[in-house]
Amino acid sequence: MGETHDDYCEKMKRDGEWATDVEIKATAFALKVSIFVYSENLNLWQRFGPEEYDADEPAIYLTNCGNHYQVVLDVESIGKVNFISTEYLNI
């Protein structure tokens, strides 16, 4: 039998467990905000969040640093501000 929801939540509380695209997408929907994640491998931004996107609305910006994420404080310095929606990635 697979991992239960409670088991998963307990596992995620432990040091050394990392969020994935699933947790980022869930957080974006729970907060009703777009979360942009910069990928150095793809050299672009991925957007997680509500289908409708308004560039004037506040957003959260992260960068994927290998095995963890860091907050981006200056979007312009991290690379091109191109992004793709996760709807095209089936995430």
N, C-alpha and C. Protein backbone atom coordinates (compact mmCIF):
# COMPACT_ATOMS: atom_id res chain seq x y z
N MET A 1 0.84 -1.18 0.00
CA MET A 1 0.00 0.00 0.00
C MET A 1 0.89 1.25 0.00
N GLY A 2 0.43 2.30 -0.64
CA GLY A 2 1.21 3.52 -0.78
C GLY A 2 1.25 4.37 0.48
N GLU A 3 1.99 5.41 0.39
CA GLU A 3 2.15 6.37 1.49
C GLU A 3 0.84 7.13 1.71
N THR A 4 0.45 7.29 2.96
CA THR A 4 -0.77 8.04 3.27
C THR A 4 -0.47 9.53 3.29
N HIS A 5 -1.51 10.33 3.24
CA HIS A 5 -1.37 11.79 3.30
C HIS A 5 -0.66 12.19 4.58
N ASP A 6 -1.08 11.61 5.70
CA ASP A 6 -0.45 11.94 7.00
C ASP A 6 1.03 11.55 7.02
N ASP A 7 1.35 10.37 6.46
CA ASP A 7 2.76 9.95 6.40
C ASP A 7 3.58 10.93 5.57
N TYR A 8 3.02 11.35 4.44
CA TYR A 8 3.71 12.30 3.57
C TYR A 8 3.96 13.62 4.29
N CYS A 9 2.95 14.13 4.98
CA CYS A 9 3.10 15.39 5.71
C CYS A 9 4.16 15.27 6.80
N GLU A 10 4.18 14.17 7.50
CA GLU A 10 5.20 13.95 8.54
C GLU A 10 6.60 13.89 7.92
N LYS A 11 6.73 13.21 6.78
CA LYS A 11 8.02 13.11 6.10
C LYS A 11 8.51 14.50 5.69
N MET A 12 7.61 15.35 5.19
CA MET A 12 8.00 16.66 4.71
C MET A 12 8.43 17.60 5.84
N LYS A 13 8.09 17.28 7.07
CA LYS A 13 8.51 18.10 8.22
C LYS A 13 9.97 17.86 8.59
N ARG A 14 10.54 16.76 8.12
CA ARG A 14 11.91 16.38 8.49
C ARG A 14 12.95 17.19 7.72
N ASP A 15 14.07 17.46 8.39
CA ASP A 15 15.21 18.07 7.71
C ASP A 15 15.66 17.13 6.59
N GLY A 16 16.06 17.73 5.49
CA GLY A 16 16.56 16.93 4.38
C GLY A 16 15.51 16.56 3.35
N GLU A 17 14.25 16.86 3.60
CA GLU A 17 13.19 16.63 2.62
C GLU A 17 12.98 17.91 1.85
N TRP A 18 12.81 17.81 0.55
CA TRP A 18 12.74 18.98 -0.31
C TRP A 18 11.40 19.06 -1.02
N ALA A 19 10.95 20.28 -1.21
CA ALA A 19 9.72 20.51 -1.97
C ALA A 19 9.99 20.21 -3.44
N THR A 20 8.93 19.82 -4.13
CA THR A 20 9.01 19.57 -5.57
C THR A 20 8.03 20.52 -6.26
N ASP A 21 7.90 20.35 -7.56
CA ASP A 21 6.93 21.15 -8.31
C ASP A 21 5.52 20.98 -7.76
N VAL A 22 5.23 19.81 -7.22
CA VAL A 22 3.89 19.55 -6.69
C VAL A 22 3.59 20.48 -5.52
N GLU A 23 4.52 20.61 -4.59
CA GLU A 23 4.31 21.49 -3.43
C GLU A 23 4.27 22.96 -3.84
N ILE A 24 5.08 23.33 -4.82
CA ILE A 24 5.07 24.71 -5.29
C ILE A 24 3.73 25.04 -5.94
N LYS A 25 3.23 24.13 -6.76
CA LYS A 25 1.93 24.35 -7.41
C LYS A 25 0.82 24.42 -6.36
N ALA A 26 0.84 23.53 -5.39
CA ALA A 26 -0.18 23.54 -4.33
C ALA A 26 -0.12 24.84 -3.53
N THR A 27 1.08 25.32 -3.25
CA THR A 27 1.24 26.57 -2.51
C THR A 27 0.70 27.75 -3.31
N ALA A 28 0.99 27.78 -4.59
CA ALA A 28 0.50 28.86 -5.46
C ALA A 28 -1.02 28.91 -5.47
N PHE A 29 -1.65 27.76 -5.57
CA PHE A 29 -3.11 27.72 -5.58
C PHE A 29 -3.69 28.06 -4.22
N ALA A 30 -3.04 27.58 -3.15
CA ALA A 30 -3.53 27.88 -1.80
C ALA A 30 -3.44 29.37 -1.49
N LEU A 31 -2.36 30.01 -1.94
CA LEU A 31 -2.17 31.44 -1.69
C LEU A 31 -2.83 32.32 -2.76
N LYS A 32 -3.30 31.68 -3.83
CA LYS A 32 -3.92 32.41 -4.96
C LYS A 32 -2.96 33.45 -5.52
N VAL A 33 -1.73 33.00 -5.78
CA VAL A 33 -0.69 33.87 -6.29
C VAL A 33 0.16 33.08 -7.29
N SER A 34 0.75 33.76 -8.24
CA SER A 34 1.68 33.10 -9.16
C SER A 34 3.02 32.95 -8.47
N ILE A 35 3.63 31.79 -8.66
CA ILE A 35 4.98 31.54 -8.19
C ILE A 35 5.81 31.23 -9.43
N PHE A 36 6.86 32.02 -9.63
CA PHE A 36 7.76 31.83 -10.76
C PHE A 36 9.02 31.17 -10.26
N VAL A 37 9.46 30.13 -10.96
CA VAL A 37 10.69 29.42 -10.61
C VAL A 37 11.64 29.50 -11.80
N TYR A 38 12.82 30.06 -11.56
CA TYR A 38 13.82 30.14 -12.62
C TYR A 38 14.61 28.85 -12.68
N SER A 39 14.75 28.31 -13.88
CA SER A 39 15.52 27.09 -14.09
C SER A 39 16.75 27.43 -14.92
N GLU A 40 17.92 27.23 -14.33
CA GLU A 40 19.15 27.48 -15.07
C GLU A 40 19.31 26.48 -16.21
N ASN A 41 18.85 25.25 -15.99
CA ASN A 41 18.96 24.22 -17.04
C ASN A 41 18.18 24.60 -18.28
N LEU A 42 16.98 25.16 -18.09
CA LEU A 42 16.13 25.54 -19.22
C LEU A 42 16.31 27.00 -19.61
N ASN A 43 16.99 27.78 -18.76
CA ASN A 43 17.21 29.21 -18.95
C ASN A 43 15.89 29.96 -19.15
N LEU A 44 14.92 29.65 -18.30
CA LEU A 44 13.64 30.34 -18.36
C LEU A 44 12.91 30.22 -17.04
N TRP A 45 11.82 30.99 -16.95
CA TRP A 45 10.96 30.99 -15.77
C TRP A 45 9.77 30.07 -16.02
N GLN A 46 9.42 29.29 -15.01
CA GLN A 46 8.19 28.50 -15.05
C GLN A 46 7.20 29.15 -14.09
N ARG A 47 5.95 29.26 -14.53
CA ARG A 47 4.93 29.87 -13.68
C ARG A 47 3.99 28.81 -13.16
N PHE A 48 3.77 28.84 -11.85
CA PHE A 48 2.81 27.98 -11.18
C PHE A 48 1.73 28.88 -10.61
N GLY A 49 0.49 28.50 -10.73
CA GLY A 49 -0.56 29.31 -10.12
C GLY A 49 -1.83 29.33 -10.93
N PRO A 50 -2.71 30.24 -10.57
CA PRO A 50 -4.00 30.35 -11.25
C PRO A 50 -3.81 30.51 -12.76
N GLU A 51 -4.77 30.02 -13.53
CA GLU A 51 -4.67 30.09 -14.99
C GLU A 51 -4.53 31.52 -15.49
N GLU A 52 -5.31 32.43 -14.92
CA GLU A 52 -5.23 33.81 -15.36
C GLU A 52 -4.03 34.48 -14.68
N TYR A 53 -3.26 35.17 -15.49
CA TYR A 53 -2.05 35.82 -14.98
C TYR A 53 -2.16 37.32 -15.23
N ASP A 54 -1.94 38.09 -14.18
CA ASP A 54 -1.96 39.55 -14.27
C ASP A 54 -0.60 40.04 -13.80
N ALA A 55 0.16 40.62 -14.72
CA ALA A 55 1.52 41.07 -14.40
C ALA A 55 1.55 42.15 -13.32
N ASP A 56 0.43 42.78 -13.05
CA ASP A 56 0.39 43.82 -12.02
C ASP A 56 0.16 43.24 -10.62
N GLU A 57 -0.18 41.96 -10.53
CA GLU A 57 -0.42 41.32 -9.24
C GLU A 57 0.91 40.90 -8.61
N PRO A 58 0.98 40.90 -7.27
CA PRO A 58 2.20 40.42 -6.60
C PRO A 58 2.45 38.95 -6.94
N ALA A 59 3.70 38.57 -6.93
CA ALA A 59 4.08 37.19 -7.22
C ALA A 59 5.27 36.81 -6.35
N ILE A 60 5.54 35.54 -6.29
CA ILE A 60 6.70 35.01 -5.57
C ILE A 60 7.68 34.50 -6.61
N TYR A 61 8.97 34.83 -6.45
CA TYR A 61 10.00 34.40 -7.39
C TYR A 61 11.03 33.55 -6.66
N LEU A 62 11.30 32.37 -7.22
CA LEU A 62 12.28 31.45 -6.66
C LEU A 62 13.26 31.04 -7.76
N THR A 63 14.41 30.56 -7.34
CA THR A 63 15.33 29.93 -8.29
C THR A 63 15.66 28.54 -7.77
N ASN A 64 15.76 27.60 -8.69
CA ASN A 64 16.09 26.23 -8.34
C ASN A 64 17.60 26.12 -8.34
N CYS A 65 18.15 25.88 -7.16
CA CYS A 65 19.61 25.80 -6.98
C CYS A 65 20.04 24.35 -6.80
N GLY A 66 19.76 23.54 -7.77
CA GLY A 66 20.13 22.13 -7.68
C GLY A 66 19.15 21.34 -6.85
N ASN A 67 19.42 21.22 -5.55
CA ASN A 67 18.54 20.42 -4.71
C ASN A 67 17.69 21.25 -3.75
N HIS A 68 17.64 22.56 -3.95
CA HIS A 68 16.77 23.38 -3.12
C HIS A 68 16.39 24.66 -3.87
N TYR A 69 15.47 25.40 -3.31
CA TYR A 69 14.99 26.64 -3.90
C TYR A 69 15.41 27.81 -3.03
N GLN A 70 15.69 28.94 -3.68
CA GLN A 70 15.99 30.17 -2.95
C GLN A 70 15.10 31.28 -3.48
N VAL A 71 14.80 32.24 -2.62
CA VAL A 71 14.00 33.38 -3.01
C VAL A 71 14.83 34.29 -3.91
N VAL A 72 14.21 34.79 -4.97
CA VAL A 72 14.85 35.74 -5.87
C VAL A 72 14.40 37.13 -5.46
N LEU A 73 15.34 37.99 -5.14
CA LEU A 73 15.02 39.35 -4.73
C LEU A 73 15.11 40.33 -5.89
N ASP A 74 15.90 40.01 -6.91
CA ASP A 74 16.06 40.89 -8.06
C ASP A 74 15.91 40.06 -9.33
N VAL A 75 14.73 40.11 -9.92
CA VAL A 75 14.42 39.30 -11.09
C VAL A 75 15.34 39.64 -12.26
N GLU A 76 15.65 40.89 -12.44
CA GLU A 76 16.45 41.32 -13.58
C GLU A 76 17.86 40.73 -13.55
N SER A 77 18.41 40.49 -12.38
CA SER A 77 19.79 40.02 -12.29
C SER A 77 19.92 38.52 -12.49
N ILE A 78 18.82 37.79 -12.46
CA ILE A 78 18.92 36.34 -12.54
C ILE A 78 18.83 35.81 -13.96
N GLY A 79 18.50 36.61 -14.89
CA GLY A 79 18.43 36.14 -16.27
C GLY A 79 17.24 36.73 -16.98
N LYS A 80 16.99 36.22 -18.14
CA LYS A 80 15.85 36.70 -18.93
C LYS A 80 14.57 36.50 -18.15
N VAL A 81 13.64 37.38 -18.35
CA VAL A 81 12.36 37.26 -17.67
C VAL A 81 11.36 36.59 -18.61
N ASN A 82 11.80 35.54 -19.28
CA ASN A 82 10.90 34.71 -20.09
C ASN A 82 10.30 33.67 -19.17
N PHE A 83 9.07 33.30 -19.41
CA PHE A 83 8.49 32.24 -18.60
C PHE A 83 7.57 31.39 -19.43
N ILE A 84 7.38 30.15 -18.96
CA ILE A 84 6.41 29.26 -19.56
C ILE A 84 5.45 28.84 -18.47
N SER A 85 4.23 28.58 -18.84
CA SER A 85 3.24 28.12 -17.88
C SER A 85 3.40 26.62 -17.69
N THR A 86 3.21 26.15 -16.48
CA THR A 86 3.34 24.72 -16.20
C THR A 86 2.26 23.91 -16.88
N GLU A 87 1.21 24.54 -17.38
CA GLU A 87 0.16 23.79 -18.05
C GLU A 87 0.73 23.06 -19.25
N TYR A 88 1.80 23.58 -19.84
CA TYR A 88 2.42 22.93 -20.99
C TYR A 88 3.39 21.83 -20.58
N LEU A 89 3.72 21.77 -19.31
CA LEU A 89 4.66 20.75 -18.82
C LEU A 89 3.98 19.58 -18.16
N ASN A 90 2.64 19.63 -18.04
CA ASN A 90 1.86 18.59 -17.36
C ASN A 90 2.32 18.38 -15.93
N ILE A 91 2.58 19.46 -15.22
CA ILE A 91 3.02 19.38 -13.82
C ILE A 91 1.81 19.56 -12.94
